[in-house]
N, C-alpha and C. Protein backbone atom coordinates (compact mmCIF):
# COMPACT_ATOMS: atom_id res chain seq x y z
N MET A 1 28.45 -4.26 -51.96
CA MET A 1 29.63 -5.11 -51.95
C MET A 1 29.61 -6.00 -53.19
N ARG A 2 30.74 -6.16 -53.81
CA ARG A 2 30.85 -7.01 -54.98
C ARG A 2 31.66 -8.26 -54.62
N LEU A 3 31.15 -9.38 -55.07
CA LEU A 3 31.85 -10.65 -54.85
C LEU A 3 32.11 -11.29 -56.21
N THR A 4 33.26 -11.89 -56.35
CA THR A 4 33.55 -12.61 -57.58
C THR A 4 32.78 -13.93 -57.59
N VAL A 5 32.62 -14.50 -58.78
CA VAL A 5 31.96 -15.79 -58.90
C VAL A 5 32.73 -16.81 -58.08
N ARG A 6 34.04 -16.75 -58.16
CA ARG A 6 34.86 -17.69 -57.39
C ARG A 6 34.57 -17.58 -55.90
N ARG A 7 34.46 -16.36 -55.39
CA ARG A 7 34.21 -16.16 -53.96
C ARG A 7 32.82 -16.67 -53.58
N VAL A 8 31.84 -16.48 -54.46
CA VAL A 8 30.49 -16.99 -54.19
C VAL A 8 30.53 -18.51 -54.11
N LEU A 9 31.22 -19.16 -55.05
CA LEU A 9 31.32 -20.62 -55.04
C LEU A 9 32.05 -21.12 -53.80
N GLU A 10 33.10 -20.43 -53.41
CA GLU A 10 33.82 -20.81 -52.20
C GLU A 10 32.91 -20.67 -50.98
N ALA A 11 32.12 -19.61 -50.93
CA ALA A 11 31.21 -19.39 -49.81
C ALA A 11 30.14 -20.48 -49.75
N VAL A 12 29.61 -20.87 -50.91
CA VAL A 12 28.61 -21.93 -50.96
C VAL A 12 29.22 -23.25 -50.46
N ALA A 13 30.46 -23.52 -50.84
CA ALA A 13 31.13 -24.73 -50.38
C ALA A 13 31.41 -24.68 -48.88
N LEU A 14 31.78 -23.51 -48.40
CA LEU A 14 32.13 -23.35 -46.99
C LEU A 14 30.89 -23.34 -46.10
N TYR A 15 29.80 -22.78 -46.60
CA TYR A 15 28.54 -22.68 -45.84
C TYR A 15 27.42 -23.37 -46.61
N PRO A 16 27.39 -24.71 -46.62
CA PRO A 16 26.34 -25.40 -47.38
C PRO A 16 24.94 -25.15 -46.85
N ASP A 17 24.83 -24.75 -45.59
CA ASP A 17 23.54 -24.38 -45.02
C ASP A 17 23.23 -22.95 -45.48
N ARG A 18 22.17 -22.81 -46.28
CA ARG A 18 21.85 -21.50 -46.87
C ARG A 18 21.59 -20.43 -45.82
N GLU A 19 21.03 -20.80 -44.67
CA GLU A 19 20.79 -19.82 -43.62
C GLU A 19 22.11 -19.29 -43.07
N GLU A 20 23.06 -20.19 -42.87
CA GLU A 20 24.38 -19.78 -42.39
C GLU A 20 25.09 -18.92 -43.44
N LEU A 21 24.95 -19.30 -44.71
CA LEU A 21 25.52 -18.51 -45.80
C LEU A 21 24.93 -17.10 -45.78
N HIS A 22 23.63 -17.00 -45.60
CA HIS A 22 22.98 -15.69 -45.58
C HIS A 22 23.42 -14.86 -44.37
N ARG A 23 23.65 -15.51 -43.23
CA ARG A 23 24.14 -14.77 -42.05
C ARG A 23 25.54 -14.22 -42.31
N GLU A 24 26.38 -15.00 -42.99
CA GLU A 24 27.76 -14.58 -43.27
C GLU A 24 27.81 -13.54 -44.39
N TYR A 25 26.94 -13.69 -45.39
CA TYR A 25 26.90 -12.79 -46.54
C TYR A 25 25.46 -12.33 -46.76
N PRO A 26 24.96 -11.42 -45.94
CA PRO A 26 23.55 -11.01 -46.03
C PRO A 26 23.20 -10.35 -47.36
N GLU A 27 24.17 -9.80 -48.04
CA GLU A 27 23.92 -9.14 -49.33
C GLU A 27 23.79 -10.12 -50.48
N LEU A 28 24.17 -11.37 -50.25
CA LEU A 28 24.15 -12.40 -51.29
C LEU A 28 22.76 -13.01 -51.39
N GLU A 29 22.12 -12.80 -52.51
CA GLU A 29 20.76 -13.29 -52.70
C GLU A 29 20.79 -14.66 -53.39
N ALA A 30 19.69 -15.38 -53.28
CA ALA A 30 19.59 -16.72 -53.87
C ALA A 30 19.86 -16.67 -55.37
N ASP A 31 19.39 -15.64 -56.05
CA ASP A 31 19.62 -15.53 -57.49
C ASP A 31 21.10 -15.31 -57.80
N ASP A 32 21.82 -14.62 -56.93
CA ASP A 32 23.26 -14.43 -57.11
C ASP A 32 23.97 -15.79 -57.09
N VAL A 33 23.58 -16.63 -56.13
CA VAL A 33 24.18 -17.96 -56.01
C VAL A 33 23.86 -18.78 -57.25
N ARG A 34 22.60 -18.74 -57.68
CA ARG A 34 22.19 -19.49 -58.87
C ARG A 34 22.98 -19.05 -60.09
N GLN A 35 23.14 -17.75 -60.27
CA GLN A 35 23.88 -17.24 -61.43
C GLN A 35 25.35 -17.64 -61.37
N ALA A 36 25.94 -17.61 -60.19
CA ALA A 36 27.34 -18.02 -60.05
C ALA A 36 27.51 -19.49 -60.39
N LEU A 37 26.58 -20.33 -59.91
CA LEU A 37 26.64 -21.76 -60.22
C LEU A 37 26.42 -22.01 -61.71
N GLU A 38 25.52 -21.27 -62.31
CA GLU A 38 25.26 -21.42 -63.75
C GLU A 38 26.49 -21.04 -64.56
N LEU A 39 27.13 -19.94 -64.22
CA LEU A 39 28.32 -19.51 -64.94
C LEU A 39 29.45 -20.52 -64.78
N ALA A 40 29.62 -21.03 -63.57
CA ALA A 40 30.66 -22.03 -63.33
C ALA A 40 30.40 -23.29 -64.14
N ALA A 41 29.15 -23.72 -64.18
CA ALA A 41 28.80 -24.93 -64.93
C ALA A 41 29.05 -24.73 -66.42
N MET A 42 28.73 -23.55 -66.94
CA MET A 42 28.92 -23.29 -68.37
C MET A 42 30.40 -23.25 -68.74
N SER A 43 31.25 -22.93 -67.78
CA SER A 43 32.68 -22.80 -68.08
C SER A 43 33.41 -24.14 -68.01
N LEU A 44 32.73 -25.17 -67.56
CA LEU A 44 33.37 -26.49 -67.44
C LEU A 44 33.20 -27.27 -68.73
N ASP A 45 34.18 -28.08 -69.03
CA ASP A 45 34.10 -28.99 -70.16
C ASP A 45 33.26 -30.20 -69.78
N ASP A 46 32.78 -30.89 -70.77
CA ASP A 46 32.02 -32.12 -70.52
C ASP A 46 32.96 -33.32 -70.47
N GLU A 47 34.06 -33.14 -69.79
CA GLU A 47 35.06 -34.19 -69.67
C GLU A 47 34.70 -35.13 -68.52
N LEU A 48 34.77 -36.43 -68.79
CA LEU A 48 34.51 -37.40 -67.75
C LEU A 48 35.80 -37.66 -66.95
N ILE A 49 35.66 -37.70 -65.65
CA ILE A 49 36.79 -37.99 -64.78
C ILE A 49 36.44 -39.25 -64.01
N HIS A 50 37.22 -40.31 -64.19
CA HIS A 50 36.96 -41.57 -63.53
C HIS A 50 37.66 -41.54 -62.17
N ILE A 51 36.87 -41.83 -61.15
CA ILE A 51 37.39 -41.84 -59.78
C ILE A 51 37.41 -43.29 -59.32
N ASP A 52 38.59 -43.76 -58.94
CA ASP A 52 38.72 -45.13 -58.45
C ASP A 52 38.15 -45.23 -57.04
N ALA A 53 37.40 -46.27 -56.78
CA ALA A 53 36.85 -46.52 -55.45
C ALA A 53 38.00 -46.84 -54.49
N ALA A 54 37.90 -46.35 -53.29
CA ALA A 54 38.96 -46.59 -52.30
C ALA A 54 38.83 -47.93 -51.67
């Protein structure tokens, strides 16, 4: 099964518990997650975003 980087990132966000993530996507290995996060980080600009406190 092939998953896009976007889908891997969405899955990590949806299942922050790695055991639950593995149950939902047993074919997804820890290195796959690391590579998806690395690619996503490399594609982001170093732009600062100021968030106002509520």
